[in-house]
Structure formats: structure tokens, C-alpha cells
Amino acid sequence: MTGARWVIGVGNPVRGDDALGRVVADRLRGRVDHGFKVLEQDGEMTALLARLTDADAVILIDAAAAGAAPGTIHRFDAGDGPLPPLLSALSTHGFGPLEAVELARAMGSLPPACIIYAVEGADFGNGRPLSPAVAAAAEEVTQRILAELDRWKTPGGSVCTRHP
């Protein structure tokens, strides 16, 4: 591990609610400390896998289509076990964030701290803005991540983790 700490907003900025991760990343930029860097990615699995295998801590943010009401916020700690298969994170590629996390787990390179925030989307049309429910959820996720990062900070500045 290199000690890298990433907050990664995943999505396509021109596909409506799929832009959720990038919107949250943009809101977090300049507000995140504790050694975390904020990135935006399109969700391509190999790029995400490289970030996961090179990190001590990662928070991923993405849109989802798991069948809940639009704007529903899901939070998963990948250290608790495999992610629910019904959470199919949307991607413009055949494989995306969910598959990258599970592949990192299978390879034994899942970061010691790996949190996924996924927000149920409603409209993924080209050129569309965030739907109202997802726009509201984007602000809530931003605040939750800031609070989570504050809780992670220890006196020595390290990230608290629950799994090896």
C-alpha cells in the first residue's frame, strides 16, 4: 500500500443522474483533508481497480439502479463482505465500480477502508440534469462523507479501519 487515500466520484457528466458521483466529488473538492484526494472517473473498471489496489482508504460515490425510490442513499462498507448483487452501479462500460471492488477483494487488494455511497437514480438520459431527488441526495451524501472523514481522523491522523 502506498498510503493513498481517495474520494472517487464516478459517473458520466452528461447522462442525467449518472453524473451524481462527479457532482459530489466537485462539491467535496477543497473541503476534504486528512490526506484524501478527490478524483472524478468515468467508472471504467480497470482504472478504478488501479486506484483500489494502490490505496489505504477509498470512498466511492456513484449512481445506482437497485429499484428503490429515486434519491435513496445506500452506504456499504466493502470490509463487511461482498456488496449486494442487486446494487448494479450504472456505468457506460460493461463492468464498473461494483465489479472493481469485488475483483479487488478476490485479488486480496481491497483497501483496508473502502466505503461505497450509491444513490438511486431516476433519469439517465443524455444531456439531462440531475433529477430533483438525486440533486437533493447529492448534498446529503456530500455532508455524510465530510462527517465520515471527520470520524475517521485519529490523533495520529490515520484512517480508522475495521478489517485487515
Protein backbone atom coordinates (compact mmCIF):
# COMPACT_ATOMS: atom_id res chain seq x y z
CA MET A 1 0.00 0.00 0.00
CA THR A 2 1.17 3.50 -0.77
CA GLY A 3 -0.93 5.27 1.82
CA ALA A 4 -3.07 6.80 -0.93
CA ARG A 5 -6.50 7.98 0.18
CA TRP A 6 -9.09 8.63 -2.50
CA VAL A 7 -12.59 10.02 -2.67
CA ILE A 8 -13.71 8.99 -6.15
CA GLY A 9 -16.83 10.37 -7.79
CA VAL A 10 -17.89 8.02 -10.56
CA GLY A 11 -20.18 8.77 -13.46
CA ASN A 12 -20.87 10.27 -16.84
CA PRO A 13 -21.35 14.03 -16.54
CA VAL A 14 -23.77 14.21 -19.49
CA ARG A 15 -26.12 11.34 -18.59
CA GLY A 16 -28.51 12.87 -16.07
CA ASP A 17 -28.40 11.15 -12.69
CA ASP A 18 -25.30 9.18 -13.71
CA ALA A 19 -23.37 12.40 -13.01
CA LEU A 20 -24.14 12.08 -9.28
CA GLY A 21 -20.67 10.85 -8.25
CA ARG A 22 -18.93 13.62 -10.12
CA VAL A 23 -21.26 16.27 -8.70
CA VAL A 24 -20.47 15.10 -5.16
CA ALA A 25 -16.74 14.98 -5.94
CA ASP A 26 -16.91 18.57 -7.20
CA ARG A 27 -18.68 19.66 -4.00
CA LEU A 28 -16.03 17.93 -1.89
CA ARG A 29 -13.06 19.38 -3.76
CA GLY A 30 -11.23 21.80 -1.49
CA ARG A 31 -13.21 20.68 1.57
CA VAL A 32 -11.58 17.29 2.14
CA ASP A 33 -8.50 16.88 4.27
CA HIS A 34 -7.00 14.03 6.29
CA GLY A 35 -4.74 13.20 3.34
CA PHE A 36 -7.60 12.40 0.95
CA LYS A 37 -7.54 13.48 -2.69
CA VAL A 38 -10.74 13.91 -4.65
CA LEU A 39 -10.93 12.37 -8.13
CA GLU A 40 -13.55 12.01 -10.82
CA GLN A 41 -13.68 8.92 -13.01
CA ASP A 42 -16.00 7.52 -15.65
CA GLY A 43 -16.35 4.19 -13.82
CA GLU A 44 -14.20 2.10 -16.13
CA MET A 45 -13.31 -0.96 -14.08
CA THR A 46 -9.56 -1.21 -14.72
CA ALA A 47 -8.95 2.46 -13.82
CA LEU A 48 -10.94 2.03 -10.61
CA LEU A 49 -9.18 -1.24 -9.82
CA ALA A 50 -5.81 0.52 -10.10
CA ARG A 51 -6.95 3.14 -7.57
CA LEU A 52 -8.30 0.48 -5.21
CA THR A 53 -5.15 -1.65 -5.25
CA ASP A 54 -2.99 1.43 -4.66
CA ALA A 55 -4.82 2.75 -1.60
CA ASP A 56 -5.25 2.51 2.14
CA ALA A 57 -8.68 4.15 2.05
CA VAL A 58 -11.26 4.80 -0.66
CA ILE A 59 -14.73 6.30 -0.71
CA LEU A 60 -16.58 5.67 -3.99
CA ILE A 61 -19.68 7.65 -4.96
CA ASP A 62 -21.91 6.54 -7.84
CA ALA A 63 -25.46 6.42 -9.11
CA ALA A 64 -27.34 3.15 -8.79
CA ALA A 65 -30.38 1.36 -10.13
CA ALA A 66 -31.38 -1.11 -7.45
CA GLY A 67 -35.10 -0.46 -7.61
CA ALA A 68 -35.53 1.87 -4.61
CA ALA A 69 -37.08 5.32 -4.82
CA PRO A 70 -35.01 7.95 -6.67
CA GLY A 71 -32.69 9.75 -4.27
CA THR A 72 -32.41 6.80 -1.87
CA ILE A 73 -28.90 6.75 -0.43
CA HIS A 74 -27.18 3.39 0.04
CA ARG A 75 -23.96 3.12 2.06
CA PHE A 76 -21.87 -0.02 2.05
CA ASP A 77 -18.65 -0.87 3.85
CA ALA A 78 -16.88 -3.28 1.50
CA GLY A 79 -14.98 -4.64 4.51
CA ASP A 80 -18.22 -6.10 5.85
CA GLY A 81 -18.38 -8.59 2.97
CA PRO A 82 -19.43 -8.80 -0.67
CA LEU A 83 -21.56 -5.99 -1.98
CA PRO A 84 -25.21 -6.85 -2.68
CA PRO A 85 -25.59 -8.04 -6.27
CA LEU A 86 -28.85 -6.12 -6.65
CA LEU A 87 -26.84 -2.91 -6.43
CA SER A 88 -25.89 -2.55 -10.05
CA ALA A 89 -23.90 0.67 -10.19
CA LEU A 90 -24.51 2.29 -13.54
CA SER A 91 -21.60 2.66 -15.90
CA THR A 92 -21.08 3.42 -19.55
CA HIS A 93 -18.89 0.30 -19.60
CA GLY A 94 -19.80 -3.36 -19.25
CA PHE A 95 -18.07 -3.55 -15.87
CA GLY A 96 -17.86 -0.77 -13.32
CA PRO A 97 -17.40 0.14 -9.66
CA LEU A 98 -19.20 -2.86 -8.15
CA GLU A 99 -17.11 -5.27 -10.20
CA ALA A 100 -13.88 -3.35 -9.47
CA VAL A 101 -14.48 -3.60 -5.71
CA GLU A 102 -15.27 -7.30 -5.88
CA LEU A 103 -12.29 -8.01 -8.13
CA ALA A 104 -10.01 -6.15 -5.70
CA ARG A 105 -11.47 -8.30 -2.91
CA ALA A 106 -10.83 -11.50 -4.89
CA MET A 107 -7.25 -10.39 -5.59
CA GLY A 108 -6.63 -9.64 -1.91
CA SER A 109 -6.03 -5.96 -2.67
CA LEU A 110 -9.19 -4.33 -1.31
CA PRO A 111 -8.17 -1.22 0.66
CA PRO A 112 -8.40 -1.58 4.44
CA ALA A 113 -11.12 1.10 4.34
CA CYS A 114 -13.48 1.01 1.37
CA ILE A 115 -16.86 2.73 1.56
CA ILE A 116 -19.37 2.94 -1.27
CA TYR A 117 -22.14 5.52 -1.47
CA ALA A 118 -24.70 4.82 -4.17
CA VAL A 119 -27.76 6.96 -4.86
CA GLU A 120 -30.79 5.67 -6.70
CA GLY A 121 -31.22 7.50 -9.97
CA ALA A 122 -34.34 8.31 -11.95
CA ASP A 123 -33.25 9.81 -15.27
CA PHE A 124 -30.11 8.74 -17.13
CA GLY A 125 -30.88 10.43 -20.44
CA ASN A 126 -28.17 12.14 -22.47
CA GLY A 127 -27.91 15.85 -21.81
CA ARG A 128 -30.25 15.73 -18.84
CA PRO A 129 -29.55 17.44 -15.48
CA LEU A 130 -29.73 15.63 -12.15
CA SER A 131 -33.31 14.83 -11.23
CA PRO A 132 -34.61 16.80 -8.22
CA ALA A 133 -34.46 13.80 -5.84
CA VAL A 134 -30.88 12.98 -6.85
CA ALA A 135 -29.80 16.62 -6.64
CA ALA A 136 -31.08 16.72 -3.05
CA ALA A 137 -29.35 13.43 -2.26
CA ALA A 138 -26.06 14.76 -3.69
CA GLU A 139 -25.96 17.41 -0.95
CA GLU A 140 -26.83 14.83 1.73
CA VAL A 141 -24.08 12.48 0.53
CA THR A 142 -21.60 15.37 0.50
CA GLN A 143 -22.40 16.13 4.15
CA ARG A 144 -22.27 12.44 5.15
CA ILE A 145 -18.84 12.00 3.58
CA LEU A 146 -17.48 15.09 5.31
CA ALA A 147 -18.80 13.78 8.63
CA GLU A 148 -17.42 10.31 7.96
CA LEU A 149 -13.97 11.70 7.20
CA ASP A 150 -14.04 13.65 10.46
CA ARG A 151 -14.85 10.45 12.37
CA TRP A 152 -12.01 8.61 10.63
CA LYS A 153 -9.43 11.08 11.80
CA THR A 154 -7.48 9.81 14.78
CA PRO A 155 -4.96 11.77 16.87
CA GLY A 156 -2.17 10.41 14.69
CA GLY A 157 -4.02 11.39 11.51
CA SER A 158 -4.58 7.82 10.32
CA VAL A 159 -7.77 6.34 8.95
CA CYS A 160 -9.60 4.05 11.36
CA THR A 161 -10.37 0.70 9.80
CA ARG A 162 -12.22 -2.36 10.98
CA HIS A 163 -10.72 -5.00 8.73
CA PRO A 164 -7.18 -6.03 7.78
